Amino acid sequence: MRPIAVDVRRDGEWALVHRCTACGVLKSNRVAGDDAEAALLKLALRPLTCPPFPLD
């Protein structure tokens, strides 16, 4: 499983979205207290720093 995104649930809780490297299935797991905060923020900001489409 590879983390590909961060999802914010309705209650404000963060979850990591993972994609299986073998079959491509997506899974969502709650963020744990011992997860690296800097890595979570980097993943959450990826669409802003590397948009999936041209901005101009």
PDB file of N, CA and C in Angstrom:
ATOM      1  N   MET A   1       0.846  -1.176   0.000  1.00  0.00           N
ATOM      2  CA  MET A   1       0.000   0.000   0.000  1.00  0.00           C
ATOM      3  C   MET A   1       0.893   1.242   0.000  1.00  0.00           C
ATOM      4  N   ARG A   2       0.495   2.212  -0.811  1.00  0.00           N
ATOM      5  CA  ARG A   2       1.256   3.460  -0.911  1.00  0.00           C
ATOM      6  C   ARG A   2       0.320   4.624  -0.617  1.00  0.00           C
ATOM      7  N   PRO A   3       0.700   5.540   0.305  1.00  0.00           N
ATOM      8  CA  PRO A   3      -0.156   6.700   0.574  1.00  0.00           C
ATOM      9  C   PRO A   3      -0.176   7.634  -0.624  1.00  0.00           C
ATOM     10  N   ILE A   4      -1.390   8.050  -1.027  1.00  0.00           N
ATOM     11  CA  ILE A   4      -1.496   8.913  -2.210  1.00  0.00           C
ATOM     12  C   ILE A   4      -2.204  10.230  -1.916  1.00  0.00           C
ATOM     13  N   ALA A   5      -2.938  10.305  -0.785  1.00  0.00           N
ATOM     14  CA  ALA A   5      -3.697  11.532  -0.498  1.00  0.00           C
ATOM     15  C   ALA A   5      -4.110  11.563   0.967  1.00  0.00           C
ATOM     16  N   VAL A   6      -4.563  12.734   1.374  1.00  0.00           N
ATOM     17  CA  VAL A   6      -5.152  12.926   2.699  1.00  0.00           C
ATOM     18  C   VAL A   6      -6.601  13.334   2.496  1.00  0.00           C
ATOM     19  N   ASP A   7      -7.483  12.758   3.289  1.00  0.00           N
ATOM     20  CA  ASP A   7      -8.908  13.062   3.224  1.00  0.00           C
ATOM     21  C   ASP A   7      -9.334  13.615   4.577  1.00  0.00           C
ATOM     22  N   VAL A   8     -10.144  14.650   4.566  1.00  0.00           N
ATOM     23  CA  VAL A   8     -10.695  15.185   5.818  1.00  0.00           C
ATOM     24  C   VAL A   8     -12.150  14.757   5.886  1.00  0.00           C
ATOM     25  N   ARG A   9     -12.475  14.004   6.911  1.00  0.00           N
ATOM     26  CA  ARG A   9     -13.835  13.482   7.069  1.00  0.00           C
ATOM     27  C   ARG A   9     -14.760  14.559   7.612  1.00  0.00           C
ATOM     28  N   ARG A  10     -16.041  14.277   7.586  1.00  0.00           N
ATOM     29  CA  ARG A  10     -17.048  15.274   8.006  1.00  0.00           C
ATOM     30  C   ARG A  10     -16.844  15.764   9.427  1.00  0.00           C
ATOM     31  N   ASP A  11     -16.337  14.886  10.291  1.00  0.00           N
ATOM     32  CA  ASP A  11     -16.127  15.265  11.692  1.00  0.00           C
ATOM     33  C   ASP A  11     -14.795  15.984  11.909  1.00  0.00           C
ATOM     34  N   GLY A  12     -14.050  16.250  10.814  1.00  0.00           N
ATOM     35  CA  GLY A  12     -12.779  16.964  10.907  1.00  0.00           C
ATOM     36  C   GLY A  12     -11.577  16.058  11.076  1.00  0.00           C
ATOM     37  N   GLU A  13     -11.816  14.766  11.218  1.00  0.00           N
ATOM     38  CA  GLU A  13     -10.724  13.820  11.384  1.00  0.00           C
ATOM     39  C   GLU A  13     -10.026  13.580  10.038  1.00  0.00           C
ATOM     40  N   TRP A  14      -8.711  13.476  10.078  1.00  0.00           N
ATOM     41  CA  TRP A  14      -7.937  13.222   8.862  1.00  0.00           C
ATOM     42  C   TRP A  14      -7.812  11.726   8.635  1.00  0.00           C
ATOM     43  N   ALA A  15      -7.751  11.339   7.356  1.00  0.00           N
ATOM     44  CA  ALA A  15      -7.537   9.945   6.983  1.00  0.00           C
ATOM     45  C   ALA A  15      -6.556   9.907   5.816  1.00  0.00           C
ATOM     46  N   LEU A  16      -5.747   8.866   5.781  1.00  0.00           N
ATOM     47  CA  LEU A  16      -4.831   8.646   4.673  1.00  0.00           C
ATOM     48  C   LEU A  16      -5.500   7.751   3.642  1.00  0.00           C
ATOM     49  N   VAL A  17      -5.361   8.104   2.385  1.00  0.00           N
ATOM     50  CA  VAL A  17      -5.858   7.278   1.299  1.00  0.00           C
ATOM     51  C   VAL A  17      -4.657   6.544   0.723  1.00  0.00           C
ATOM     52  N   HIS A  18      -4.755   5.216   0.684  1.00  0.00           N
ATOM     53  CA  HIS A  18      -3.680   4.369   0.178  1.00  0.00           C
ATOM     54  C   HIS A  18      -4.139   3.660  -1.087  1.00  0.00           C
ATOM     55  N   ARG A  19      -3.201   3.409  -1.989  1.00  0.00           N
ATOM     56  CA  ARG A  19      -3.466   2.600  -3.190  1.00  0.00           C
ATOM     57  C   ARG A  19      -2.545   1.380  -3.133  1.00  0.00           C
ATOM     58  N   CYS A  20      -3.128   0.210  -3.358  1.00  0.00           N
ATOM     59  CA  CYS A  20      -2.360  -1.025  -3.402  1.00  0.00           C
ATOM     60  C   CYS A  20      -1.456  -1.001  -4.626  1.00  0.00           C
ATOM     61  N   THR A  21      -0.181  -1.289  -4.422  1.00  0.00           N
ATOM     62  CA  THR A  21       0.768  -1.281  -5.537  1.00  0.00           C
ATOM     63  C   THR A  21       0.602  -2.505  -6.435  1.00  0.00           C
ATOM     64  N   ALA A  22      -0.077  -3.544  -5.953  1.00  0.00           N
ATOM     65  CA  ALA A  22      -0.272  -4.751  -6.754  1.00  0.00           C
ATOM     66  C   ALA A  22      -1.545  -4.690  -7.598  1.00  0.00           C
ATOM     67  N   CYS A  23      -2.681  -4.313  -6.964  1.00  0.00           N
ATOM     68  CA  CYS A  23      -3.962  -4.382  -7.686  1.00  0.00           C
ATOM     69  C   CYS A  23      -4.620  -3.021  -7.914  1.00  0.00           C
ATOM     70  N   GLY A  24      -4.137  -1.960  -7.247  1.00  0.00           N
ATOM     71  CA  GLY A  24      -4.676  -0.623  -7.458  1.00  0.00           C
ATOM     72  C   GLY A  24      -5.884  -0.263  -6.604  1.00  0.00           C
ATOM     73  N   VAL A  25      -6.330  -1.162  -5.720  1.00  0.00           N
ATOM     74  CA  VAL A  25      -7.493  -0.876  -4.882  1.00  0.00           C
ATOM     75  C   VAL A  25      -7.164   0.269  -3.909  1.00  0.00           C
ATOM     76  N   LEU A  26      -8.156   1.106  -3.618  1.00  0.00           N
ATOM     77  CA  LEU A  26      -7.990   2.236  -2.699  1.00  0.00           C
ATOM     78  C   LEU A  26      -8.567   1.893  -1.335  1.00  0.00           C
ATOM     79  N   LYS A  27      -7.872   2.305  -0.283  1.00  0.00           N
ATOM     80  CA  LYS A  27      -8.330   2.134   1.099  1.00  0.00           C
ATOM     81  C   LYS A  27      -8.082   3.431   1.848  1.00  0.00           C
ATOM     82  N   SER A  28      -8.929   3.703   2.833  1.00  0.00           N
ATOM     83  CA  SER A  28      -8.796   4.893   3.660  1.00  0.00           C
ATOM     84  C   SER A  28      -8.629   4.463   5.112  1.00  0.00           C
ATOM     85  N   ASN A  29      -7.626   5.026   5.791  1.00  0.00           N
ATOM     86  CA  ASN A  29      -7.361   4.721   7.197  1.00  0.00           C
ATOM     87  C   ASN A  29      -7.193   6.010   7.987  1.00  0.00           C
ATOM     88  N   ARG A  30      -7.748   6.015   9.194  1.00  0.00           N
ATOM     89  CA  ARG A  30      -7.591   7.184  10.061  1.00  0.00           C
ATOM     90  C   ARG A  30      -6.123   7.458  10.340  1.00  0.00           C
ATOM     91  N   VAL A  31      -5.802   8.731  10.499  1.00  0.00           N
ATOM     92  CA  VAL A  31      -4.453   9.126  10.857  1.00  0.00           C
ATOM     93  C   VAL A  31      -4.229   8.742  12.319  1.00  0.00           C
ATOM     94  N   ALA A  32      -3.072   8.161  12.598  1.00  0.00           N
ATOM     95  CA  ALA A  32      -2.729   7.747  13.949  1.00  0.00           C
ATOM     96  C   ALA A  32      -1.902   8.831  14.634  1.00  0.00           C
ATOM     97  N   GLY A  33      -1.882   8.791  15.927  1.00  0.00           N
ATOM     98  CA  GLY A  33      -1.145   9.783  16.705  1.00  0.00           C
ATOM     99  C   GLY A  33       0.353   9.747  16.476  1.00  0.00           C
ATOM    100  N   ASP A  34       0.882   8.599  16.064  1.00  0.00           N
ATOM    101  CA  ASP A  34       2.320   8.503  15.852  1.00  0.00           C
ATOM    102  C   ASP A  34       2.720   8.684  14.385  1.00  0.00           C
ATOM    103  N   ASP A  35       1.780   9.076  13.518  1.00  0.00           N
ATOM    104  CA  ASP A  35       2.118   9.367  12.121  1.00  0.00           C
ATOM    105  C   ASP A  35       2.937  10.657  12.051  1.00  0.00           C
ATOM    106  N   ALA A  36       3.835  10.715  11.109  1.00  0.00           N
ATOM    107  CA  ALA A  36       4.706  11.885  10.946  1.00  0.00           C
ATOM    108  C   ALA A  36       3.894  13.076  10.436  1.00  0.00           C
ATOM    109  N   GLU A  37       3.770  14.101  11.262  1.00  0.00           N
ATOM    110  CA  GLU A  37       2.947  15.271  10.910  1.00  0.00           C
ATOM    111  C   GLU A  37       3.473  15.994   9.685  1.00  0.00           C
ATOM    112  N   ALA A  38       4.785  16.130   9.561  1.00  0.00           N
ATOM    113  CA  ALA A  38       5.366  16.826   8.410  1.00  0.00           C
ATOM    114  C   ALA A  38       5.058  16.066   7.113  1.00  0.00           C
ATOM    115  N   ALA A  39       5.123  14.745   7.162  1.00  0.00           N
ATOM    116  CA  ALA A  39       4.823  13.935   5.973  1.00  0.00           C
ATOM    117  C   ALA A  39       3.348  14.056   5.596  1.00  0.00           C
ATOM    118  N   LEU A  40       2.463  14.124   6.592  1.00  0.00           N
ATOM    119  CA  LEU A  40       1.034  14.290   6.320  1.00  0.00           C
ATOM    120  C   LEU A  40       0.764  15.636   5.655  1.00  0.00           C
ATOM    121  N   LEU A  41       1.377  16.697   6.174  1.00  0.00           N
ATOM    122  CA  LEU A  41       1.187  18.021   5.581  1.00  0.00           C
ATOM    123  C   LEU A  41       1.753  18.079   4.166  1.00  0.00           C
ATOM    124  N   LYS A  42       2.892  17.447   3.942  1.00  0.00           N
ATOM    125  CA  LYS A  42       3.481  17.416   2.602  1.00  0.00           C
ATOM    126  C   LYS A  42       2.540  16.718   1.622  1.00  0.00           C
ATOM    127  N   LEU A  43       1.952  15.618   2.055  1.00  0.00           N
ATOM    128  CA  LEU A  43       1.013  14.884   1.212  1.00  0.00           C
ATOM    129  C   LEU A  43      -0.252  15.704   0.962  1.00  0.00           C
ATOM    130  N   ALA A  44      -0.740  16.413   1.996  1.00  0.00           N
ATOM    131  CA  ALA A  44      -1.947  17.231   1.854  1.00  0.00           C
ATOM    132  C   ALA A  44      -1.718  18.414   0.918  1.00  0.00           C
ATOM    133  N   LEU A  45      -0.503  18.943   0.891  1.00  0.00           N
ATOM    134  CA  LEU A  45      -0.195  20.122   0.066  1.00  0.00           C
ATOM    135  C   LEU A  45       0.227  19.771  -1.357  1.00  0.00           C
ATOM    136  N   ARG A  46       0.410  18.499  -1.653  1.00  0.00           N
ATOM    137  CA  ARG A  46       0.880  18.099  -2.983  1.00  0.00           C
ATOM    138  C   ARG A  46       0.021  18.655  -4.117  1.00  0.00           C
ATOM    139  N   PRO A  47      -1.316  18.642  -4.038  1.00  0.00           N
ATOM    140  CA  PRO A  47      -2.099  19.204  -5.155  1.00  0.00           C
ATOM    141  C   PRO A  47      -1.860  20.692  -5.380  1.00  0.00           C
ATOM    142  N   LEU A  48      -1.455  21.417  -4.340  1.00  0.00           N
ATOM    143  CA  LEU A  48      -1.185  22.848  -4.485  1.00  0.00           C
ATOM    144  C   LEU A  48       0.192  23.112  -5.073  1.00  0.00           C
ATOM    145  N   THR A  49       1.144  22.249  -4.758  1.00  0.00           N
ATOM    146  CA  THR A  49       2.511  22.449  -5.244  1.00  0.00           C
ATOM    147  C   THR A  49       2.743  21.809  -6.607  1.00  0.00           C
ATOM    148  N   CYS A  50       1.992  20.764  -6.916  1.00  0.00           N
ATOM    149  CA  CYS A  50       2.107  20.054  -8.207  1.00  0.00           C
ATOM    150  C   CYS A  50       0.712  19.771  -8.728  1.00  0.00           C
ATOM    151  N   PRO A  51       0.005  20.778  -9.233  1.00  0.00           N
ATOM    152  CA  PRO A  51      -1.385  20.557  -9.674  1.00  0.00           C
ATOM    153  C   PRO A  51      -1.451  19.526 -10.803  1.00  0.00           C
ATOM    154  N   PRO A  52      -2.517  18.750 -10.846  1.00  0.00           N
ATOM    155  CA  PRO A  52      -2.638  17.709 -11.860  1.00  0.00           C
ATOM    156  C   PRO A  52      -3.042  18.234 -13.241  1.00  0.00           C
ATOM    157  N   PHE A  53      -3.168  19.530 -13.381  1.00  0.00           N
ATOM    158  CA  PHE A  53      -3.541  20.149 -14.653  1.00  0.00           C
ATOM    159  C   PHE A  53      -2.838  21.498 -14.750  1.00  0.00           C
ATOM    160  N   PRO A  54      -2.653  22.033 -15.948  1.00  0.00           N
ATOM    161  CA  PRO A  54      -1.978  23.335 -16.096  1.00  0.00           C
ATOM    162  C   PRO A  54      -2.820  24.471 -15.522  1.00  0.00           C
ATOM    163  N   LEU A  55      -2.169  25.407 -14.861  1.00  0.00           N
ATOM    164  CA  LEU A  55      -2.883  26.530 -14.252  1.00  0.00           C
ATOM    165  C   LEU A  55      -2.987  27.749 -15.178  1.00  0.00           C
ATOM    166  N   ASP A  56      -2.254  27.754 -16.288  1.00  0.00           N
ATOM    167  CA  ASP A  56      -2.326  28.912 -17.182  1.00  0.00           C
ATOM    168  C   ASP A  56      -3.013  28.582 -18.471  1.00  0.00           C
TER     169      ASP A  56
END
